[in-house]
Amino acid sequence: MNKIYYLSTCDTCARIIKDLKLKEKKFIFQDIKNEKITAAQLDEMKKQTGSYEALFSRVALKYKTLDPKPSTEAEYKKLILGEYTFLKRPVIFIKGKIFVGNSKNNIAAAAEALK
């Protein structure tokens, strides 16, 4: 299953979707603002990445106001499930592999996996 978890209002996500031609490749799209990720979906992401922390976005505006900052896996999971902006995005599943975030290297690796 090829799937992308993204935010429809995120220009970076839109650019990545366009650059990787994901609409033409029949991906399943889940806008995490309109269709919240489930605990089971997040657990699958964690299984692939090894931690909830790897899925957590520290650049989210709401992160700056958190006090105290999360320090355990349970705290990261709870925050991600409670607020969609805490999920690092996009999260792309391609042929059983996961690509989290929008770094150039990560997107290049996703592009390579699509070949």
C-alpha atoms as a PDB file:
ATOM      1  CA  MET A   1       0.000   0.000   0.000  1.00  0.00           C
ATOM      2  CA  ASN A   2       1.353   3.397  -1.001  1.00  0.00           C
ATOM      3  CA  LYS A   3       0.035   6.136   1.249  1.00  0.00           C
ATOM      4  CA  ILE A   4       0.832   9.679   2.295  1.00  0.00           C
ATOM      5  CA  TYR A   5      -0.132  11.414   5.517  1.00  0.00           C
ATOM      6  CA  TYR A   6      -0.009  15.133   4.830  1.00  0.00           C
ATOM      7  CA  LEU A   7      -1.570  18.488   5.594  1.00  0.00           C
ATOM      8  CA  SER A   8      -3.554  20.007   2.728  1.00  0.00           C
ATOM      9  CA  THR A   9      -2.740  23.553   3.868  1.00  0.00           C
ATOM     10  CA  CYS A  10       1.014  22.881   3.883  1.00  0.00           C
ATOM     11  CA  ASP A  11       2.783  24.315   0.833  1.00  0.00           C
ATOM     12  CA  THR A  12       5.758  22.009   1.382  1.00  0.00           C
ATOM     13  CA  CYS A  13       3.515  18.934   1.354  1.00  0.00           C
ATOM     14  CA  ALA A  14       1.806  20.178  -1.827  1.00  0.00           C
ATOM     15  CA  ARG A  15       5.183  20.690  -3.513  1.00  0.00           C
ATOM     16  CA  ILE A  16       6.377  17.213  -2.542  1.00  0.00           C
ATOM     17  CA  ILE A  17       3.146  15.605  -3.779  1.00  0.00           C
ATOM     18  CA  LYS A  18       3.569  17.429  -7.093  1.00  0.00           C
ATOM     19  CA  ASP A  19       7.311  16.759  -7.432  1.00  0.00           C
ATOM     20  CA  LEU A  20       6.896  13.036  -6.713  1.00  0.00           C
ATOM     21  CA  LYS A  21       3.753  12.863  -8.903  1.00  0.00           C
ATOM     22  CA  LEU A  22       1.904  11.001  -6.159  1.00  0.00           C
ATOM     23  CA  LYS A  23      -1.557  11.754  -7.555  1.00  0.00           C
ATOM     24  CA  GLU A  24      -0.644  10.051 -10.831  1.00  0.00           C
ATOM     25  CA  LYS A  25       0.761   7.067  -8.912  1.00  0.00           C
ATOM     26  CA  LYS A  26      -2.560   6.284  -7.205  1.00  0.00           C
ATOM     27  CA  PHE A  27      -1.465   6.944  -3.635  1.00  0.00           C
ATOM     28  CA  ILE A  28      -3.926   6.905  -0.771  1.00  0.00           C
ATOM     29  CA  PHE A  29      -4.045  10.437   0.632  1.00  0.00           C
ATOM     30  CA  GLN A  30      -4.898  11.199   4.247  1.00  0.00           C
ATOM     31  CA  ASP A  31      -5.147  14.854   5.218  1.00  0.00           C
ATOM     32  CA  ILE A  32      -4.312  14.617   8.919  1.00  0.00           C
ATOM     33  CA  LYS A  33      -6.278  17.760   9.765  1.00  0.00           C
ATOM     34  CA  ASN A  34      -9.548  16.446   8.325  1.00  0.00           C
ATOM     35  CA  GLU A  35      -9.002  12.742   9.027  1.00  0.00           C
ATOM     36  CA  LYS A  36      -7.047  12.352  12.241  1.00  0.00           C
ATOM     37  CA  ILE A  37      -4.488   9.611  12.467  1.00  0.00           C
ATOM     38  CA  THR A  38      -5.524   6.723  14.645  1.00  0.00           C
ATOM     39  CA  ALA A  39      -3.503   5.090  17.384  1.00  0.00           C
ATOM     40  CA  ALA A  40      -3.158   2.016  15.144  1.00  0.00           C
ATOM     41  CA  GLN A  41      -1.810   4.122  12.265  1.00  0.00           C
ATOM     42  CA  LEU A  42       0.641   5.877  14.580  1.00  0.00           C
ATOM     43  CA  ASP A  43       1.734   2.531  16.028  1.00  0.00           C
ATOM     44  CA  GLU A  44       2.446   1.274  12.485  1.00  0.00           C
ATOM     45  CA  MET A  45       4.559   4.382  11.816  1.00  0.00           C
ATOM     46  CA  LYS A  46       6.427   3.819  15.090  1.00  0.00           C
ATOM     47  CA  LYS A  47       7.031   0.183  14.176  1.00  0.00           C
ATOM     48  CA  GLN A  48       8.714   1.359  10.965  1.00  0.00           C
ATOM     49  CA  THR A  49      10.731   4.239  12.480  1.00  0.00           C
ATOM     50  CA  GLY A  50      11.536   2.733  15.872  1.00  0.00           C
ATOM     51  CA  SER A  51      10.139   5.567  17.997  1.00  0.00           C
ATOM     52  CA  TYR A  52       7.374   8.110  18.363  1.00  0.00           C
ATOM     53  CA  GLU A  53      10.043  10.757  18.856  1.00  0.00           C
ATOM     54  CA  ALA A  54      11.217  10.187  15.260  1.00  0.00           C
ATOM     55  CA  LEU A  55       7.686  11.111  14.136  1.00  0.00           C
ATOM     56  CA  PHE A  56       7.463  14.231  16.300  1.00  0.00           C
ATOM     57  CA  SER A  57       7.817  17.692  14.803  1.00  0.00           C
ATOM     58  CA  ARG A  58       9.781  20.126  16.909  1.00  0.00           C
ATOM     59  CA  VAL A  59       9.174  22.917  14.398  1.00  0.00           C
ATOM     60  CA  ALA A  60       5.432  22.985  15.107  1.00  0.00           C
ATOM     61  CA  LEU A  61       4.448  26.380  16.496  1.00  0.00           C
ATOM     62  CA  LYS A  62       2.684  24.746  19.428  1.00  0.00           C
ATOM     63  CA  TYR A  63       5.921  22.987  20.418  1.00  0.00           C
ATOM     64  CA  LYS A  64       7.442  26.298  21.514  1.00  0.00           C
ATOM     65  CA  THR A  65       4.653  26.777  24.062  1.00  0.00           C
ATOM     66  CA  LEU A  66       4.928  23.300  25.572  1.00  0.00           C
ATOM     67  CA  ASP A  67       6.133  23.290  29.146  1.00  0.00           C
ATOM     68  CA  PRO A  68       7.440  20.857  30.068  1.00  0.00           C
ATOM     69  CA  LYS A  69       8.743  19.456  26.783  1.00  0.00           C
ATOM     70  CA  PRO A  70       7.997  15.777  26.087  1.00  0.00           C
ATOM     71  CA  SER A  71      10.661  13.348  27.208  1.00  0.00           C
ATOM     72  CA  THR A  72       9.111   9.873  27.007  1.00  0.00           C
ATOM     73  CA  GLU A  73       7.711   7.808  24.164  1.00  0.00           C
ATOM     74  CA  ALA A  74       4.283   7.866  25.840  1.00  0.00           C
ATOM     75  CA  GLU A  75       4.351  11.677  25.924  1.00  0.00           C
ATOM     76  CA  TYR A  76       5.334  11.917  22.245  1.00  0.00           C
ATOM     77  CA  LYS A  77       2.543   9.514  21.278  1.00  0.00           C
ATOM     78  CA  LYS A  78      -0.072  11.359  23.321  1.00  0.00           C
ATOM     79  CA  LEU A  79       0.912  14.736  21.843  1.00  0.00           C
ATOM     80  CA  ILE A  80       0.876  13.471  18.244  1.00  0.00           C
ATOM     81  CA  LEU A  81      -2.533  11.854  18.682  1.00  0.00           C
ATOM     82  CA  GLY A  82      -3.895  14.951  20.384  1.00  0.00           C
ATOM     83  CA  GLU A  83      -2.650  17.566  17.930  1.00  0.00           C
ATOM     84  CA  TYR A  84      -2.063  16.891  14.230  1.00  0.00           C
ATOM     85  CA  THR A  85       0.620  19.598  13.931  1.00  0.00           C
ATOM     86  CA  PHE A  86       2.966  17.500  16.072  1.00  0.00           C
ATOM     87  CA  LEU A  87       3.287  14.824  13.375  1.00  0.00           C
ATOM     88  CA  LYS A  88       6.375  15.428  11.265  1.00  0.00           C
ATOM     89  CA  ARG A  89       5.162  15.566   7.702  1.00  0.00           C
ATOM     90  CA  PRO A  90       4.716  14.310   5.218  1.00  0.00           C
ATOM     91  CA  VAL A  91       4.810  10.650   6.178  1.00  0.00           C
ATOM     92  CA  ILE A  92       5.041   8.572   3.010  1.00  0.00           C
ATOM     93  CA  PHE A  93       4.716   4.790   2.803  1.00  0.00           C
ATOM     94  CA  ILE A  94       6.146   3.339  -0.416  1.00  0.00           C
ATOM     95  CA  LYS A  95       6.259  -0.421  -0.922  1.00  0.00           C
ATOM     96  CA  GLY A  96       6.507  -1.083   2.817  1.00  0.00           C
ATOM     97  CA  LYS A  97       9.146   1.588   3.480  1.00  0.00           C
ATOM     98  CA  ILE A  98       8.509   4.788   5.400  1.00  0.00           C
ATOM     99  CA  PHE A  99       9.805   8.289   4.689  1.00  0.00           C
ATOM    100  CA  VAL A 100       9.186  10.882   7.406  1.00  0.00           C
ATOM    101  CA  GLY A 101       9.625  14.612   6.987  1.00  0.00           C
ATOM    102  CA  ASN A 102      10.602  16.929   4.195  1.00  0.00           C
ATOM    103  CA  SER A 103      14.406  16.933   4.226  1.00  0.00           C
ATOM    104  CA  LYS A 104      16.016  16.879   0.784  1.00  0.00           C
ATOM    105  CA  ASN A 105      17.691  13.531   1.470  1.00  0.00           C
ATOM    106  CA  ASN A 106      14.439  11.978   2.641  1.00  0.00           C
ATOM    107  CA  ILE A 107      12.479  13.163  -0.381  1.00  0.00           C
ATOM    108  CA  ALA A 108      15.272  12.012  -2.709  1.00  0.00           C
ATOM    109  CA  ALA A 109      15.132   8.580  -1.076  1.00  0.00           C
ATOM    110  CA  ALA A 110      11.337   8.504  -1.532  1.00  0.00           C
ATOM    111  CA  ALA A 111      11.759   9.452  -5.196  1.00  0.00           C
ATOM    112  CA  GLU A 112      14.256   6.617  -5.623  1.00  0.00           C
ATOM    113  CA  ALA A 113      11.856   4.148  -3.980  1.00  0.00           C
ATOM    114  CA  LEU A 114       9.176   5.140  -6.490  1.00  0.00           C
ATOM    115  CA  LYS A 115      11.324   4.058  -9.448  1.00  0.00           C
END
